[in-house]
């Protein structure tokens, strides 16, 4: 029931205010609503493919939304330090044990943790908080986060765009759509393989830090 309400809310926001809707959904995802960032980016690509939004303003909006919400978490960590771990509102996001583990990884990998952390499901918000707790320089954080955001947007919005175009191709020519889908699967598969190797290396370092 809750998932149905959230889906209806998301559809309504996007339908009436497409650009503002994309930004609002990204912000709501950070404050606890079940709107995954990747799903919103895929939706953005789908809307671009179907002419609901224009590419340049839509990409600017989602990029600004991602960096803004990430910097908010970073700012909270920087302002309150390790007190944020004990705060009831953020206790569900990060624990003292996880904060200590991520701190060890940060000291070894530095800004690379920001770049890879966005693609680790369940660790994204925690990593941005810890970056603030460790008082990573603001400019360094923003640059690392911006580069990571460009990669994420390229993959996820691109997947949504290809998916939207594929649906149109299905309506026009089933044979062409089949080839487009094969290409899409190959691109996504290769991308996921590359990221999986990088994530596995980061997780290995995480396990080594625990030992």
C-alpha atoms as a PDB file:
ATOM      1  CA  UNK A   1       0.000   0.000   0.000  1.00  0.00           C
ATOM      2  CA  UNK A   2       2.821   2.382   0.949  1.00  0.00           C
ATOM      3  CA  UNK A   3       4.731   1.559  -2.253  1.00  0.00           C
ATOM      4  CA  UNK A   4       1.589   2.279  -4.308  1.00  0.00           C
ATOM      5  CA  UNK A   5       1.148   5.659  -2.628  1.00  0.00           C
ATOM      6  CA  UNK A   6       4.785   6.572  -3.223  1.00  0.00           C
ATOM      7  CA  UNK A   7       4.537   5.523  -6.877  1.00  0.00           C
ATOM      8  CA  UNK A   8       1.399   7.632  -7.330  1.00  0.00           C
ATOM      9  CA  UNK A   9       3.102  10.608  -5.669  1.00  0.00           C
ATOM     10  CA  UNK A  10       6.146  10.269  -7.922  1.00  0.00           C
ATOM     11  CA  UNK A  11       4.006  10.040 -11.075  1.00  0.00           C
ATOM     12  CA  UNK A  12       1.914  13.074 -10.069  1.00  0.00           C
ATOM     13  CA  UNK A  13       4.951  15.262  -9.311  1.00  0.00           C
ATOM     14  CA  UNK A  14       6.680  14.379 -12.598  1.00  0.00           C
ATOM     15  CA  UNK A  15       3.486  14.822 -14.646  1.00  0.00           C
ATOM     16  CA  UNK A  16       2.704  18.343 -13.418  1.00  0.00           C
ATOM     17  CA  UNK A  17       6.211  19.705 -12.783  1.00  0.00           C
ATOM     18  CA  UNK A  18       8.744  17.546 -14.681  1.00  0.00           C
ATOM     19  CA  UNK A  19      11.916  19.565 -13.983  1.00  0.00           C
ATOM     20  CA  UNK A  20      11.026  20.564 -10.434  1.00  0.00           C
ATOM     21  CA  UNK A  21       9.689  17.064  -9.890  1.00  0.00           C
ATOM     22  CA  UNK A  22      13.024  15.424 -10.688  1.00  0.00           C
ATOM     23  CA  UNK A  23      14.799  17.733  -8.230  1.00  0.00           C
ATOM     24  CA  UNK A  24      12.194  17.246  -5.486  1.00  0.00           C
ATOM     25  CA  UNK A  25      12.324  13.447  -5.807  1.00  0.00           C
ATOM     26  CA  UNK A  26      16.118  13.494  -5.399  1.00  0.00           C
ATOM     27  CA  UNK A  27      15.797  15.620  -2.254  1.00  0.00           C
ATOM     28  CA  UNK A  28      12.989  13.467  -0.841  1.00  0.00           C
ATOM     29  CA  UNK A  29      15.128  10.378  -1.366  1.00  0.00           C
ATOM     30  CA  UNK A  30      17.803  11.849   0.921  1.00  0.00           C
ATOM     31  CA  UNK A  31      15.378  12.692   3.733  1.00  0.00           C
ATOM     32  CA  UNK A  32      13.974   9.178   3.882  1.00  0.00           C
ATOM     33  CA  UNK A  33      11.366   8.691   1.153  1.00  0.00           C
ATOM     34  CA  UNK A  34      11.786   5.520  -0.942  1.00  0.00           C
ATOM     35  CA  UNK A  35      12.847   7.277  -4.156  1.00  0.00           C
ATOM     36  CA  UNK A  36      16.173   5.668  -5.207  1.00  0.00           C
ATOM     37  CA  UNK A  37      18.554   8.021  -7.001  1.00  0.00           C
ATOM     38  CA  UNK A  38      19.287   5.522  -9.779  1.00  0.00           C
ATOM     39  CA  UNK A  39      15.590   5.013 -10.505  1.00  0.00           C
ATOM     40  CA  UNK A  40      15.031   8.778 -10.767  1.00  0.00           C
ATOM     41  CA  UNK A  41      17.941   9.120 -13.197  1.00  0.00           C
ATOM     42  CA  UNK A  42      16.598   6.294 -15.357  1.00  0.00           C
ATOM     43  CA  UNK A  43      13.209   8.023 -15.303  1.00  0.00           C
ATOM     44  CA  UNK A  44      14.926  11.243 -16.429  1.00  0.00           C
ATOM     45  CA  UNK A  45      16.420   9.446 -19.425  1.00  0.00           C
ATOM     46  CA  UNK A  46      13.028   7.970 -20.280  1.00  0.00           C
ATOM     47  CA  UNK A  47      11.392  11.414 -20.130  1.00  0.00           C
ATOM     48  CA  UNK A  48      14.081  12.848 -22.418  1.00  0.00           C
ATOM     49  CA  UNK A  49      13.575  10.036 -24.937  1.00  0.00           C
ATOM     50  CA  UNK A  50       9.836  10.703 -25.024  1.00  0.00           C
ATOM     51  CA  UNK A  51      10.162  14.475 -25.352  1.00  0.00           C
ATOM     52  CA  UNK A  52       8.606  15.254 -21.960  1.00  0.00           C
ATOM     53  CA  UNK A  53      11.698  17.232 -20.893  1.00  0.00           C
ATOM     54  CA  UNK A  54      14.573  18.777 -22.830  1.00  0.00           C
ATOM     55  CA  UNK A  55      18.018  17.134 -22.416  1.00  0.00           C
ATOM     56  CA  UNK A  56      20.126  20.114 -21.275  1.00  0.00           C
ATOM     57  CA  UNK A  57      17.828  21.560 -18.568  1.00  0.00           C
ATOM     58  CA  UNK A  58      16.905  18.071 -17.335  1.00  0.00           C
ATOM     59  CA  UNK A  59      20.556  17.035 -16.968  1.00  0.00           C
ATOM     60  CA  UNK A  60      21.407  20.323 -15.244  1.00  0.00           C
ATOM     61  CA  UNK A  61      18.530  19.820 -12.793  1.00  0.00           C
ATOM     62  CA  UNK A  62      19.453  16.250 -11.836  1.00  0.00           C
ATOM     63  CA  UNK A  63      23.166  17.079 -11.582  1.00  0.00           C
ATOM     64  CA  UNK A  64      22.415  20.054  -9.334  1.00  0.00           C
ATOM     65  CA  UNK A  65      20.017  17.954  -7.273  1.00  0.00           C
ATOM     66  CA  UNK A  66      22.535  15.156  -6.767  1.00  0.00           C
ATOM     67  CA  UNK A  67      25.407  17.432  -5.775  1.00  0.00           C
ATOM     68  CA  UNK A  68      23.171  19.540  -3.525  1.00  0.00           C
ATOM     69  CA  UNK A  69      21.810  16.563  -1.597  1.00  0.00           C
ATOM     70  CA  UNK A  70      25.275  15.000  -1.294  1.00  0.00           C
ATOM     71  CA  UNK A  71      26.728  18.252  -0.002  1.00  0.00           C
ATOM     72  CA  UNK A  72      23.906  18.480   2.550  1.00  0.00           C
ATOM     73  CA  UNK A  73      24.979  15.151   4.063  1.00  0.00           C
ATOM     74  CA  UNK A  74      28.617  16.215   3.931  1.00  0.00           C
ATOM     75  CA  UNK A  75      27.744  19.510   5.658  1.00  0.00           C
ATOM     76  CA  UNK A  76      25.851  17.710   8.438  1.00  0.00           C
ATOM     77  CA  UNK A  77      28.856  15.462   9.087  1.00  0.00           C
ATOM     78  CA  UNK A  78      31.272  18.395   8.993  1.00  0.00           C
ATOM     79  CA  UNK A  79      29.154  20.565  11.311  1.00  0.00           C
ATOM     80  CA  UNK A  80      28.307  17.981  13.985  1.00  0.00           C
ATOM     81  CA  UNK A  81      31.283  15.630  13.677  1.00  0.00           C
ATOM     82  CA  UNK A  82      30.993  12.265  15.411  1.00  0.00           C
ATOM     83  CA  UNK A  83      27.955  13.525  17.346  1.00  0.00           C
ATOM     84  CA  UNK A  84      25.926  12.772  14.229  1.00  0.00           C
ATOM     85  CA  UNK A  85      26.453   9.043  14.841  1.00  0.00           C
ATOM     86  CA  UNK A  86      24.615   9.303  18.151  1.00  0.00           C
ATOM     87  CA  UNK A  87      21.801  11.476  16.792  1.00  0.00           C
ATOM     88  CA  UNK A  88      18.513   9.567  16.618  1.00  0.00           C
ATOM     89  CA  UNK A  89      17.681  10.905  13.152  1.00  0.00           C
ATOM     90  CA  UNK A  90      20.958   9.711  11.622  1.00  0.00           C
ATOM     91  CA  UNK A  91      21.379   6.574  13.714  1.00  0.00           C
ATOM     92  CA  UNK A  92      19.429   4.652  11.078  1.00  0.00           C
ATOM     93  CA  UNK A  93      21.854   5.818   8.409  1.00  0.00           C
ATOM     94  CA  UNK A  94      25.178   5.141  10.105  1.00  0.00           C
ATOM     95  CA  UNK A  95      26.410   3.387  13.250  1.00  0.00           C
ATOM     96  CA  UNK A  96      29.575   3.981  15.241  1.00  0.00           C
ATOM     97  CA  UNK A  97      31.037   0.714  14.001  1.00  0.00           C
ATOM     98  CA  UNK A  98      30.368   1.555  10.348  1.00  0.00           C
ATOM     99  CA  UNK A  99      31.739   5.074  10.819  1.00  0.00           C
ATOM    100  CA  UNK A 100      34.987   3.658  12.220  1.00  0.00           C
ATOM    101  CA  UNK A 101      35.321   1.213   9.325  1.00  0.00           C
ATOM    102  CA  UNK A 102      34.697   3.877   6.702  1.00  0.00           C
ATOM    103  CA  UNK A 103      37.162   6.204   8.397  1.00  0.00           C
ATOM    104  CA  UNK A 104      39.925   3.622   7.914  1.00  0.00           C
ATOM    105  CA  UNK A 105      39.013   3.278   4.242  1.00  0.00           C
ATOM    106  CA  UNK A 106      38.954   7.050   3.790  1.00  0.00           C
ATOM    107  CA  UNK A 107      42.448   7.396   5.215  1.00  0.00           C
ATOM    108  CA  UNK A 108      43.700   4.848   2.683  1.00  0.00           C
ATOM    109  CA  UNK A 109      41.712   5.758  -0.435  1.00  0.00           C
ATOM    110  CA  UNK A 110      40.917   9.446   0.096  1.00  0.00           C
ATOM    111  CA  UNK A 111      38.745  11.056  -2.576  1.00  0.00           C
ATOM    112  CA  UNK A 112      38.452   7.762  -4.486  1.00  0.00           C
ATOM    113  CA  UNK A 113      35.995   6.606  -1.815  1.00  0.00           C
ATOM    114  CA  UNK A 114      33.659   9.442  -2.850  1.00  0.00           C
ATOM    115  CA  UNK A 115      33.957   8.443  -6.494  1.00  0.00           C
ATOM    116  CA  UNK A 116      33.250   4.748  -5.896  1.00  0.00           C
ATOM    117  CA  UNK A 117      30.985   5.160  -2.875  1.00  0.00           C
ATOM    118  CA  UNK A 118      28.053   6.503  -4.882  1.00  0.00           C
ATOM    119  CA  UNK A 119      27.792   3.124  -6.575  1.00  0.00           C
ATOM    120  CA  UNK A 120      27.782   1.067  -3.370  1.00  0.00           C
ATOM    121  CA  UNK A 121      24.166   0.393  -2.463  1.00  0.00           C
ATOM    122  CA  UNK A 122      23.522   1.202   1.182  1.00  0.00           C
ATOM    123  CA  UNK A 123      26.828   3.028   1.731  1.00  0.00           C
ATOM    124  CA  UNK A 124      26.224   6.170  -0.333  1.00  0.00           C
ATOM    125  CA  UNK A 125      24.770   8.377   2.426  1.00  0.00           C
ATOM    126  CA  UNK A 126      27.149   6.979   5.023  1.00  0.00           C
ATOM    127  CA  UNK A 127      30.208   7.814   2.930  1.00  0.00           C
ATOM    128  CA  UNK A 128      29.127  11.417   2.428  1.00  0.00           C
ATOM    129  CA  UNK A 129      28.498  11.818   6.155  1.00  0.00           C
ATOM    130  CA  UNK A 130      31.910  10.385   7.033  1.00  0.00           C
ATOM    131  CA  UNK A 131      33.585  12.686   4.486  1.00  0.00           C
ATOM    132  CA  UNK A 132      32.152  15.591   6.477  1.00  0.00           C
ATOM    133  CA  UNK A 133      33.042  14.063   9.839  1.00  0.00           C
ATOM    134  CA  UNK A 134      36.667  13.749   8.688  1.00  0.00           C
ATOM    135  CA  UNK A 135      36.470  17.371   7.462  1.00  0.00           C
ATOM    136  CA  UNK A 136      37.520  16.610   3.921  1.00  0.00           C
ATOM    137  CA  UNK A 137      38.199  19.954   2.150  1.00  0.00           C
ATOM    138  CA  UNK A 138      34.969  21.265   0.650  1.00  0.00           C
ATOM    139  CA  UNK A 139      36.399  21.827  -2.813  1.00  0.00           C
ATOM    140  CA  UNK A 140      37.942  18.363  -2.880  1.00  0.00           C
ATOM    141  CA  UNK A 141      34.624  16.798  -1.898  1.00  0.00           C
ATOM    142  CA  UNK A 142      32.619  18.761  -4.466  1.00  0.00           C
ATOM    143  CA  UNK A 143      35.055  17.938  -7.294  1.00  0.00           C
ATOM    144  CA  UNK A 144      35.117  14.217  -6.434  1.00  0.00           C
ATOM    145  CA  UNK A 145      31.336  14.149  -6.064  1.00  0.00           C
ATOM    146  CA  UNK A 146      30.806  16.052  -9.333  1.00  0.00           C
ATOM    147  CA  UNK A 147      33.009  13.627 -11.274  1.00  0.00           C
ATOM    148  CA  UNK A 148      31.188  10.681  -9.720  1.00  0.00           C
ATOM    149  CA  UNK A 149      27.835  12.285 -10.543  1.00  0.00           C
ATOM    150  CA  UNK A 150      28.792  12.689 -14.214  1.00  0.00           C
ATOM    151  CA  UNK A 151      29.580   8.970 -14.427  1.00  0.00           C
ATOM    152  CA  UNK A 152      26.327   8.003 -12.702  1.00  0.00           C
ATOM    153  CA  UNK A 153      24.233  10.337 -14.844  1.00  0.00           C
ATOM    154  CA  UNK A 154      25.853   9.053 -18.036  1.00  0.00           C
ATOM    155  CA  UNK A 155      25.092   5.437 -17.147  1.00  0.00           C
ATOM    156  CA  UNK A 156      21.626   5.734 -15.622  1.00  0.00           C
ATOM    157  CA  UNK A 157      20.151   8.523 -17.748  1.00  0.00           C
ATOM    158  CA  UNK A 158      21.679   6.841 -20.788  1.00  0.00           C
ATOM    159  CA  UNK A 159      20.002   3.559 -19.842  1.00  0.00           C
ATOM    160  CA  UNK A 160      16.651   5.319 -19.436  1.00  0.00           C
ATOM    161  CA  UNK A 161      17.098   7.132 -22.746  1.00  0.00           C
ATOM    162  CA  UNK A 162      17.962   3.941 -24.577  1.00  0.00           C
ATOM    163  CA  UNK A 163      15.012   2.228 -22.927  1.00  0.00           C
ATOM    164  CA  UNK A 164      12.660   5.007 -24.016  1.00  0.00           C
ATOM    165  CA  UNK A 165      13.942   4.897 -27.583  1.00  0.00           C
ATOM    166  CA  UNK A 166      13.695   1.132 -27.580  1.00  0.00           C
ATOM    167  CA  UNK A 167       9.997   1.328 -26.710  1.00  0.00           C
ATOM    168  CA  UNK A 168       9.471   3.658 -29.661  1.00  0.00           C
ATOM    169  CA  UNK A 169      11.383   1.299 -31.929  1.00  0.00           C
ATOM    170  CA  UNK A 170       9.171  -1.566 -30.801  1.00  0.00           C
ATOM    171  CA  UNK A 171       6.144   0.352 -31.989  1.00  0.00           C
ATOM    172  CA  UNK A 172       7.750   1.008 -35.384  1.00  0.00           C
ATOM    173  CA  UNK A 173       9.945  -1.960 -36.091  1.00  0.00           C
ATOM    174  CA  UNK A 174      10.275  -5.024 -33.845  1.00  0.00           C
ATOM    175  CA  UNK A 175      13.436  -6.211 -35.583  1.00  0.00           C
ATOM    176  CA  UNK A 176      15.329  -2.953 -35.085  1.00  0.00           C
ATOM    177  CA  UNK A 177      14.171  -2.821 -31.487  1.00  0.00           C
ATOM    178  CA  UNK A 178      15.608  -6.268 -30.846  1.00  0.00           C
ATOM    179  CA  UNK A 179      19.067  -5.194 -32.021  1.00  0.00           C
ATOM    180  CA  UNK A 180      18.852  -1.979 -29.988  1.00  0.00           C
ATOM    181  CA  UNK A 181      17.994  -3.986 -26.891  1.00  0.00           C
ATOM    182  CA  UNK A 182      20.932  -6.339 -27.445  1.00  0.00           C
ATOM    183  CA  UNK A 183      23.278  -3.361 -27.721  1.00  0.00           C
ATOM    184  CA  UNK A 184      21.781  -1.837 -24.572  1.00  0.00           C
ATOM    185  CA  UNK A 185      22.197  -5.079 -22.628  1.00  0.00           C
ATOM    186  CA  UNK A 186      25.803  -5.395 -23.813  1.00  0.00           C
ATOM    187  CA  UNK A 187      26.624  -1.807 -22.773  1.00  0.00           C
ATOM    188  CA  UNK A 188      24.955  -2.147 -19.377  1.00  0.00           C
ATOM    189  CA  UNK A 189      26.571  -5.544 -18.797  1.00  0.00           C
ATOM    190  CA  UNK A 190      30.051  -4.246 -19.592  1.00  0.00           C
ATOM    191  CA  UNK A 191      29.522  -1.192 -17.386  1.00  0.00           C
ATOM    192  CA  UNK A 192      28.301  -3.293 -14.464  1.00  0.00           C
ATOM    193  CA  UNK A 193      31.271  -5.646 -14.838  1.00  0.00           C
ATOM    194  CA  UNK A 194      33.740  -2.759 -14.622  1.00  0.00           C
ATOM    195  CA  UNK A 195      32.039  -1.283 -11.578  1.00  0.00           C
ATOM    196  CA  UNK A 196      31.752  -4.669  -9.907  1.00  0.00           C
ATOM    197  CA  UNK A 197      35.497  -5.169 -10.133  1.00  0.00           C
ATOM    198  CA  UNK A 198      36.115  -1.751  -8.585  1.00  0.00           C
ATOM    199  CA  UNK A 199      33.541  -2.338  -5.848  1.00  0.00           C
ATOM    200  CA  UNK A 200      35.013  -5.754  -5.046  1.00  0.00           C
ATOM    201  CA  UNK A 201      38.423  -4.162  -4.573  1.00  0.00           C
ATOM    202  CA  UNK A 202      36.951  -1.558  -2.224  1.00  0.00           C
ATOM    203  CA  UNK A 203      35.093  -4.185  -0.208  1.00  0.00           C
ATOM    204  CA  UNK A 204      38.289  -6.241   0.116  1.00  0.00           C
ATOM    205  CA  UNK A 205      40.012  -3.215   1.585  1.00  0.00           C
ATOM    206  CA  UNK A 206      37.044  -2.780   3.901  1.00  0.00           C
ATOM    207  CA  UNK A 207      37.415  -6.367   5.142  1.00  0.00           C
ATOM    208  CA  UNK A 208      41.168  -5.915   5.551  1.00  0.00           C
ATOM    209  CA  UNK A 209      40.548  -2.777   7.613  1.00  0.00           C
ATOM    210  CA  UNK A 210      38.260  -4.743   9.948  1.00  0.00           C
ATOM    211  CA  UNK A 211      41.006  -7.279  10.502  1.00  0.00           C
END
